Amino acid sequence: MAMPKEKKAFDFWYAVHNTHIVHAPSRALETFGETRIHYFHLAELPDAPGKVRIREGRLEAHKPLLITPEAYVQEEMSGFGEQARQYLEFLKANQDSVRILQYGYRLSQEAFSEQIVTDSLDAVAERVVLGVKGSEDPFSAVIKGVDDPWDVSLIHFFWLHVNASAPVNVRDFEKARREEMADSTPRAVRDEVERAFAQAQANPALVKELGALLQKRGVFDRYQDRFFQLVRRG
């Protein structure tokens, strides 16, 4: 018998609201390469008080791509259950700036292992976090959640980490774009711009003239950080 929609919605929202990130990765997701997050998901067994299931695995994120909103539907995810997919669909439909989609992350979950231990959830979490810190892996995560549907917790965790990583990714993209523009800027233009910067640094009255030159030569984006530093200094 198919599960009613109301029951499915309750289950994934129950999982979302009972997801707690005990230890988050210390580094943002890679901008120009793939990221593998080593996760530990901890959950009390609902029918066995004092029993905790530890799931361990890796969550792989392909390198982000700047894509258009129309490409949202092309996002891929593999290794997740139906309710995790439904939660992602909810995020697609209800968030204006879904970082996981806006920057083209694709998720795949590698095979995981699990074990059941006898102890309190907090005590198990404390031991696992100590082990993770000892490994000095900047892409390790420890998550407390429900035993079923547990993979919704992974989607929720990844959603939070993508949003935390997005500013870093955007800065990296912008820096790479400026460097690419610099490589394509004629040497004569670069020399002219550098002379104008030197003059504006010596005489703040020339800053406005410098801005006009950058616009005229079509290189304002390339030099905007340096330009605004002069503006603030002036």
C-alpha atoms as a PDB file:
ATOM      1  CA  MET A   1       0.000   0.000   0.000  1.00  0.00           C
ATOM      2  CA  ALA A   2       1.369   3.423  -0.966  1.00  0.00           C
ATOM      3  CA  MET A   3       2.150   5.799   1.855  1.00  0.00           C
ATOM      4  CA  PRO A   4      -0.227   8.825   2.006  1.00  0.00           C
ATOM      5  CA  LYS A   5       1.309  12.131   0.930  1.00  0.00           C
ATOM      6  CA  GLU A   6       0.562  13.624   4.351  1.00  0.00           C
ATOM      7  CA  LYS A   7       2.531  10.838   6.047  1.00  0.00           C
ATOM      8  CA  LYS A   8       5.486  11.298   3.668  1.00  0.00           C
ATOM      9  CA  ALA A   9       5.533  15.063   4.257  1.00  0.00           C
ATOM     10  CA  PHE A  10       5.362  14.525   8.009  1.00  0.00           C
ATOM     11  CA  ASP A  11       8.254  12.071   7.892  1.00  0.00           C
ATOM     12  CA  PHE A  12      10.679  14.292   6.010  1.00  0.00           C
ATOM     13  CA  TRP A  13       9.746  17.380   7.999  1.00  0.00           C
ATOM     14  CA  TYR A  14      10.138  15.389  11.189  1.00  0.00           C
ATOM     15  CA  ALA A  15      13.602  14.355   9.967  1.00  0.00           C
ATOM     16  CA  VAL A  16      14.529  17.940   9.014  1.00  0.00           C
ATOM     17  CA  HIS A  17      13.488  19.416  12.353  1.00  0.00           C
ATOM     18  CA  ASN A  18      15.325  16.697  14.253  1.00  0.00           C
ATOM     19  CA  THR A  19      18.604  17.082  12.363  1.00  0.00           C
ATOM     20  CA  HIS A  20      21.426  18.585  14.395  1.00  0.00           C
ATOM     21  CA  ILE A  21      24.889  19.265  13.000  1.00  0.00           C
ATOM     22  CA  VAL A  22      27.189  18.296  15.854  1.00  0.00           C
ATOM     23  CA  HIS A  23      30.387  18.895  13.891  1.00  0.00           C
ATOM     24  CA  ALA A  24      30.454  20.741  10.566  1.00  0.00           C
ATOM     25  CA  PRO A  25      33.285  20.646   8.013  1.00  0.00           C
ATOM     26  CA  SER A  26      35.869  23.338   8.675  1.00  0.00           C
ATOM     27  CA  ARG A  27      36.321  24.070   4.950  1.00  0.00           C
ATOM     28  CA  ALA A  28      33.918  25.269   2.312  1.00  0.00           C
ATOM     29  CA  LEU A  29      33.073  23.004  -0.600  1.00  0.00           C
ATOM     30  CA  GLU A  30      35.685  23.091  -3.335  1.00  0.00           C
ATOM     31  CA  THR A  31      34.967  25.622  -6.065  1.00  0.00           C
ATOM     32  CA  PHE A  32      36.926  24.065  -8.902  1.00  0.00           C
ATOM     33  CA  GLY A  33      36.944  20.410  -7.982  1.00  0.00           C
ATOM     34  CA  GLU A  34      34.962  17.646  -6.377  1.00  0.00           C
ATOM     35  CA  THR A  35      34.415  17.485  -2.625  1.00  0.00           C
ATOM     36  CA  ARG A  36      34.040  14.323  -0.592  1.00  0.00           C
ATOM     37  CA  ILE A  37      32.544  14.770   2.841  1.00  0.00           C
ATOM     38  CA  HIS A  38      33.153  12.011   5.359  1.00  0.00           C
ATOM     39  CA  TYR A  39      29.979  11.870   7.429  1.00  0.00           C
ATOM     40  CA  PHE A  40      28.792  10.104  10.553  1.00  0.00           C
ATOM     41  CA  HIS A  41      25.036   9.976  11.044  1.00  0.00           C
ATOM     42  CA  LEU A  42      23.894   9.082  14.561  1.00  0.00           C
ATOM     43  CA  ALA A  43      20.353   8.090  15.501  1.00  0.00           C
ATOM     44  CA  GLU A  44      18.647   6.425  18.424  1.00  0.00           C
ATOM     45  CA  LEU A  45      16.706   3.303  17.519  1.00  0.00           C
ATOM     46  CA  PRO A  46      13.021   4.164  18.040  1.00  0.00           C
ATOM     47  CA  ASP A  47      12.141   0.701  19.369  1.00  0.00           C
ATOM     48  CA  ALA A  48      15.289   0.144  21.445  1.00  0.00           C
ATOM     49  CA  PRO A  49      16.091   2.838  24.043  1.00  0.00           C
ATOM     50  CA  GLY A  50      19.801   3.109  24.750  1.00  0.00           C
ATOM     51  CA  LYS A  51      20.739   1.804  21.315  1.00  0.00           C
ATOM     52  CA  VAL A  52      22.370   4.136  18.766  1.00  0.00           C
ATOM     53  CA  ARG A  53      22.906   3.411  15.091  1.00  0.00           C
ATOM     54  CA  ILE A  54      26.094   4.910  13.619  1.00  0.00           C
ATOM     55  CA  ARG A  55      26.086   5.247   9.851  1.00  0.00           C
ATOM     56  CA  GLU A  56      29.353   6.213   8.217  1.00  0.00           C
ATOM     57  CA  GLY A  57      29.916   7.103   4.588  1.00  0.00           C
ATOM     58  CA  ARG A  58      30.963   9.720   2.079  1.00  0.00           C
ATOM     59  CA  LEU A  59      28.892  12.385   0.402  1.00  0.00           C
ATOM     60  CA  GLU A  60      30.308  13.486  -2.931  1.00  0.00           C
ATOM     61  CA  ALA A  61      29.653  16.902  -4.450  1.00  0.00           C
ATOM     62  CA  HIS A  62      30.757  17.548  -7.987  1.00  0.00           C
ATOM     63  CA  LYS A  63      32.371  20.902  -8.653  1.00  0.00           C
ATOM     64  CA  PRO A  64      29.846  23.762  -8.779  1.00  0.00           C
ATOM     65  CA  LEU A  65      28.816  25.234 -12.101  1.00  0.00           C
ATOM     66  CA  LEU A  66      27.213  28.591 -12.675  1.00  0.00           C
ATOM     67  CA  ILE A  67      23.957  27.692 -14.378  1.00  0.00           C
ATOM     68  CA  THR A  68      20.696  29.392 -15.323  1.00  0.00           C
ATOM     69  CA  PRO A  69      17.452  28.844 -13.382  1.00  0.00           C
ATOM     70  CA  GLU A  70      16.092  26.846 -16.314  1.00  0.00           C
ATOM     71  CA  ALA A  71      18.797  24.266 -15.693  1.00  0.00           C
ATOM     72  CA  TYR A  72      17.591  23.546 -12.156  1.00  0.00           C
ATOM     73  CA  VAL A  73      15.651  20.533 -13.355  1.00  0.00           C
ATOM     74  CA  GLN A  74      18.846  18.982 -14.702  1.00  0.00           C
ATOM     75  CA  GLU A  75      20.349  18.547 -11.240  1.00  0.00           C
ATOM     76  CA  GLU A  76      21.224  14.979 -10.412  1.00  0.00           C
ATOM     77  CA  MET A  77      21.326  13.060  -7.188  1.00  0.00           C
ATOM     78  CA  SER A  78      21.901   9.382  -6.644  1.00  0.00           C
ATOM     79  CA  GLY A  79      21.942   7.048  -3.686  1.00  0.00           C
ATOM     80  CA  PHE A  80      19.064   8.745  -1.847  1.00  0.00           C
ATOM     81  CA  GLY A  81      15.594   7.572  -0.922  1.00  0.00           C
ATOM     82  CA  GLU A  82      12.251   8.860  -2.167  1.00  0.00           C
ATOM     83  CA  GLN A  83      11.629  11.152   0.804  1.00  0.00           C
ATOM     84  CA  ALA A  84      15.045  12.766   0.429  1.00  0.00           C
ATOM     85  CA  ARG A  85      14.108  13.454  -3.200  1.00  0.00           C
ATOM     86  CA  GLN A  86      10.791  14.934  -2.089  1.00  0.00           C
ATOM     87  CA  TYR A  87      12.582  17.247   0.321  1.00  0.00           C
ATOM     88  CA  LEU A  88      14.865  18.431  -2.485  1.00  0.00           C
ATOM     89  CA  GLU A  89      11.792  19.035  -4.658  1.00  0.00           C
ATOM     90  CA  PHE A  90      10.342  21.108  -1.843  1.00  0.00           C
ATOM     91  CA  LEU A  91      13.513  23.204  -1.730  1.00  0.00           C
ATOM     92  CA  LYS A  92      13.341  23.713  -5.491  1.00  0.00           C
ATOM     93  CA  ALA A  93       9.761  24.895  -5.322  1.00  0.00           C
ATOM     94  CA  ASN A  94       9.935  27.105  -2.239  1.00  0.00           C
ATOM     95  CA  GLN A  95      13.342  28.782  -2.112  1.00  0.00           C
ATOM     96  CA  ASP A  96      14.233  31.826  -4.196  1.00  0.00           C
ATOM     97  CA  SER A  97      17.984  31.319  -3.975  1.00  0.00           C
ATOM     98  CA  VAL A  98      18.592  27.605  -3.706  1.00  0.00           C
ATOM     99  CA  ARG A  99      22.366  27.506  -3.585  1.00  0.00           C
ATOM    100  CA  ILE A 100      22.506  23.774  -4.199  1.00  0.00           C
ATOM    101  CA  LEU A 101      20.786  24.359  -7.520  1.00  0.00           C
ATOM    102  CA  GLN A 102      22.039  27.801  -8.397  1.00  0.00           C
ATOM    103  CA  TYR A 103      25.613  26.646  -8.445  1.00  0.00           C
ATOM    104  CA  GLY A 104      25.058  23.267 -10.035  1.00  0.00           C
ATOM    105  CA  TYR A 105      25.976  20.882  -7.233  1.00  0.00           C
ATOM    106  CA  ARG A 106      25.218  17.266  -7.958  1.00  0.00           C
ATOM    107  CA  LEU A 107      24.989  14.796  -5.118  1.00  0.00           C
ATOM    108  CA  SER A 108      25.900  11.172  -5.005  1.00  0.00           C
ATOM    109  CA  GLN A 109      26.082   9.142  -1.852  1.00  0.00           C
ATOM    110  CA  GLU A 110      28.690   6.413  -1.684  1.00  0.00           C
ATOM    111  CA  ALA A 111      28.004   3.094   0.008  1.00  0.00           C
ATOM    112  CA  PHE A 112      27.846   3.441   3.776  1.00  0.00           C
ATOM    113  CA  SER A 113      28.509   1.156   6.709  1.00  0.00           C
ATOM    114  CA  GLU A 114      26.635   1.015   9.982  1.00  0.00           C
ATOM    115  CA  GLN A 115      26.895  -0.353  13.466  1.00  0.00           C
ATOM    116  CA  ILE A 116      24.718  -0.318  16.581  1.00  0.00           C
ATOM    117  CA  VAL A 117      26.183   0.553  19.970  1.00  0.00           C
ATOM    118  CA  THR A 118      24.711   0.667  23.457  1.00  0.00           C
ATOM    119  CA  ASP A 119      24.967   4.121  25.027  1.00  0.00           C
ATOM    120  CA  SER A 120      23.239   7.489  25.081  1.00  0.00           C
ATOM    121  CA  LEU A 121      23.100   9.490  21.854  1.00  0.00           C
ATOM    122  CA  ASP A 122      25.023  12.390  23.404  1.00  0.00           C
ATOM    123  CA  ALA A 123      27.799  10.126  24.682  1.00  0.00           C
ATOM    124  CA  VAL A 124      28.188   8.477  21.284  1.00  0.00           C
ATOM    125  CA  ALA A 125      28.229  11.863  19.576  1.00  0.00           C
ATOM    126  CA  GLU A 126      30.952  13.102  21.911  1.00  0.00           C
ATOM    127  CA  ARG A 127      33.185  10.118  21.154  1.00  0.00           C
ATOM    128  CA  VAL A 128      32.657  10.345  17.412  1.00  0.00           C
ATOM    129  CA  VAL A 129      33.406  14.083  17.374  1.00  0.00           C
ATOM    130  CA  LEU A 130      36.639  13.484  19.296  1.00  0.00           C
ATOM    131  CA  GLY A 131      37.675  10.915  16.712  1.00  0.00           C
ATOM    132  CA  VAL A 132      36.825  13.255  13.838  1.00  0.00           C
ATOM    133  CA  LYS A 133      38.817  16.102  15.369  1.00  0.00           C
ATOM    134  CA  GLY A 134      41.747  13.777  15.838  1.00  0.00           C
ATOM    135  CA  SER A 135      41.699  12.853  12.164  1.00  0.00           C
ATOM    136  CA  GLU A 136      42.107  16.536  11.181  1.00  0.00           C
ATOM    137  CA  ASP A 137      39.942  15.957   8.115  1.00  0.00           C
ATOM    138  CA  PRO A 138      38.495  19.371   7.136  1.00  0.00           C
ATOM    139  CA  PHE A 139      35.614  17.690   5.280  1.00  0.00           C
ATOM    140  CA  SER A 140      34.291  15.542   8.139  1.00  0.00           C
ATOM    141  CA  ALA A 141      30.803  15.975   9.568  1.00  0.00           C
ATOM    142  CA  VAL A 142      28.893  14.498  12.498  1.00  0.00           C
ATOM    143  CA  ILE A 143      25.116  14.642  12.298  1.00  0.00           C
ATOM    144  CA  LYS A 144      22.443  13.617  14.795  1.00  0.00           C
ATOM    145  CA  GLY A 145      19.085  12.727  13.316  1.00  0.00           C
ATOM    146  CA  VAL A 146      16.270  10.212  13.115  1.00  0.00           C
ATOM    147  CA  ASP A 147      16.721   6.589  12.157  1.00  0.00           C
ATOM    148  CA  ASP A 148      14.150   6.785   9.365  1.00  0.00           C
ATOM    149  CA  PRO A 149      14.208   8.571   6.942  1.00  0.00           C
ATOM    150  CA  TRP A 150      17.818   9.211   7.866  1.00  0.00           C
ATOM    151  CA  ASP A 151      19.029  10.330   4.414  1.00  0.00           C
ATOM    152  CA  VAL A 152      16.813  13.435   4.646  1.00  0.00           C
ATOM    153  CA  SER A 153      19.253  14.565   7.334  1.00  0.00           C
ATOM    154  CA  LEU A 154      22.092  14.334   4.803  1.00  0.00           C
ATOM    155  CA  ILE A 155      20.210  16.517   2.311  1.00  0.00           C
ATOM    156  CA  HIS A 156      19.460  19.050   5.034  1.00  0.00           C
ATOM    157  CA  PHE A 157      23.078  19.069   6.229  1.00  0.00           C
ATOM    158  CA  PHE A 158      24.357  19.472   2.690  1.00  0.00           C
ATOM    159  CA  TRP A 159      21.870  22.278   2.043  1.00  0.00           C
ATOM    160  CA  LEU A 160      23.234  24.172   5.059  1.00  0.00           C
ATOM    161  CA  HIS A 161      26.853  23.586   4.059  1.00  0.00           C
ATOM    162  CA  VAL A 162      26.251  24.686   0.468  1.00  0.00           C
ATOM    163  CA  ASN A 163      24.777  27.961   1.700  1.00  0.00           C
ATOM    164  CA  ALA A 164      27.751  28.446   4.019  1.00  0.00           C
ATOM    165  CA  SER A 165      30.139  27.672   1.148  1.00  0.00           C
ATOM    166  CA  ALA A 166      28.413  29.804  -1.488  1.00  0.00           C
ATOM    167  CA  PRO A 167      30.109  33.140  -0.615  1.00  0.00           C
ATOM    168  CA  VAL A 168      33.521  31.462  -0.836  1.00  0.00           C
ATOM    169  CA  ASN A 169      32.621  29.809  -4.143  1.00  0.00           C
ATOM    170  CA  VAL A 170      31.361  33.086  -5.597  1.00  0.00           C
ATOM    171  CA  ARG A 171      34.538  34.925  -4.571  1.00  0.00           C
ATOM    172  CA  ASP A 172      36.633  32.192  -6.178  1.00  0.00           C
ATOM    173  CA  PHE A 173      34.624  32.427  -9.391  1.00  0.00           C
ATOM    174  CA  GLU A 174      34.962  36.203  -9.457  1.00  0.00           C
ATOM    175  CA  LYS A 175      38.699  36.063  -8.820  1.00  0.00           C
ATOM    176  CA  ALA A 176      39.159  33.532 -11.614  1.00  0.00           C
ATOM    177  CA  ARG A 177      37.082  35.685 -13.942  1.00  0.00           C
ATOM    178  CA  ARG A 178      39.172  38.770 -13.189  1.00  0.00           C
ATOM    179  CA  GLU A 179      42.382  36.825 -13.752  1.00  0.00           C
ATOM    180  CA  GLU A 180      41.028  35.541 -17.042  1.00  0.00           C
ATOM    181  CA  MET A 181      40.141  39.076 -18.073  1.00  0.00           C
ATOM    182  CA  ALA A 182      43.619  40.247 -17.107  1.00  0.00           C
ATOM    183  CA  ASP A 183      45.178  37.640 -19.345  1.00  0.00           C
ATOM    184  CA  SER A 184      43.138  38.883 -22.279  1.00  0.00           C
ATOM    185  CA  THR A 185      43.746  42.595 -21.655  1.00  0.00           C
ATOM    186  CA  PRO A 186      46.274  44.097 -24.118  1.00  0.00           C
ATOM    187  CA  ARG A 187      49.608  45.034 -22.583  1.00  0.00           C
ATOM    188  CA  ALA A 188      49.237  48.654 -23.701  1.00  0.00           C
ATOM    189  CA  VAL A 189      45.917  48.963 -21.867  1.00  0.00           C
ATOM    190  CA  ARG A 190      47.353  47.401 -18.709  1.00  0.00           C
ATOM    191  CA  ASP A 191      50.289  49.811 -18.796  1.00  0.00           C
ATOM    192  CA  GLU A 192      47.946  52.771 -19.274  1.00  0.00           C
ATOM    193  CA  VAL A 193      45.777  51.647 -16.377  1.00  0.00           C
ATOM    194  CA  GLU A 194      48.751  51.141 -14.063  1.00  0.00           C
ATOM    195  CA  ARG A 195      49.986  54.666 -14.811  1.00  0.00           C
ATOM    196  CA  ALA A 196      46.521  56.033 -14.062  1.00  0.00           C
ATOM    197  CA  PHE A 197      46.416  54.136 -10.767  1.00  0.00           C
ATOM    198  CA  ALA A 198      49.804  55.508  -9.760  1.00  0.00           C
ATOM    199  CA  GLN A 199      48.673  59.048 -10.538  1.00  0.00           C
ATOM    200  CA  ALA A 200      45.394  58.610  -8.626  1.00  0.00           C
ATOM    201  CA  GLN A 201      47.239  57.240  -5.607  1.00  0.00           C
ATOM    202  CA  ALA A 202      49.422  60.332  -5.590  1.00  0.00           C
ATOM    203  CA  ASN A 203      46.529  62.713  -6.299  1.00  0.00           C
ATOM    204  CA  PRO A 204      43.046  61.652  -5.046  1.00  0.00           C
ATOM    205  CA  ALA A 205      41.466  64.266  -7.322  1.00  0.00           C
ATOM    206  CA  LEU A 206      42.269  61.944 -10.248  1.00  0.00           C
ATOM    207  CA  VAL A 207      40.264  58.993  -8.898  1.00  0.00           C
ATOM    208  CA  LYS A 208      37.158  60.000 -10.841  1.00  0.00           C
ATOM    209  CA  GLU A 209      39.226  60.264 -14.003  1.00  0.00           C
ATOM    210  CA  LEU A 210      40.674  56.815 -13.307  1.00  0.00           C
ATOM    211  CA  GLY A 211      37.154  55.357 -13.036  1.00  0.00           C
ATOM    212  CA  ALA A 212      36.221  56.879 -16.380  1.00  0.00           C
ATOM    213  CA  LEU A 213      39.320  55.364 -17.984  1.00  0.00           C
ATOM    214  CA  LEU A 214      38.515  51.902 -16.623  1.00  0.00           C
ATOM    215  CA  GLN A 215      34.992  52.149 -18.010  1.00  0.00           C
ATOM    216  CA  LYS A 216      36.240  53.424 -21.364  1.00  0.00           C
ATOM    217  CA  ARG A 217      38.734  50.574 -21.734  1.00  0.00           C
ATOM    218  CA  GLY A 218      36.145  47.992 -20.632  1.00  0.00           C
ATOM    219  CA  VAL A 219      38.234  46.730 -17.715  1.00  0.00           C
ATOM    220  CA  PHE A 220      36.352  48.161 -14.749  1.00  0.00           C
ATOM    221  CA  ASP A 221      35.362  44.698 -13.469  1.00  0.00           C
ATOM    222  CA  ARG A 222      38.994  43.607 -13.597  1.00  0.00           C
ATOM    223  CA  TYR A 223      40.201  46.529 -11.471  1.00  0.00           C
ATOM    224  CA  GLN A 224      37.137  47.366  -9.400  1.00  0.00           C
ATOM    225  CA  ASP A 225      38.576  46.128  -6.075  1.00  0.00           C
ATOM    226  CA  ARG A 226      41.650  48.348  -6.400  1.00  0.00           C
ATOM    227  CA  PHE A 227      39.515  51.247  -7.608  1.00  0.00           C
ATOM    228  CA  PHE A 228      37.125  51.110  -4.661  1.00  0.00           C
ATOM    229  CA  GLN A 229      40.050  50.877  -2.259  1.00  0.00           C
ATOM    230  CA  LEU A 230      41.218  54.228  -3.622  1.00  0.00           C
ATOM    231  CA  VAL A 231      37.703  55.638  -3.334  1.00  0.00           C
ATOM    232  CA  ARG A 232      37.459  54.590   0.328  1.00  0.00           C
ATOM    233  CA  ARG A 233      40.937  55.931   1.016  1.00  0.00           C
ATOM    234  CA  GLY A 234      39.996  59.252  -0.534  1.00  0.00           C
END
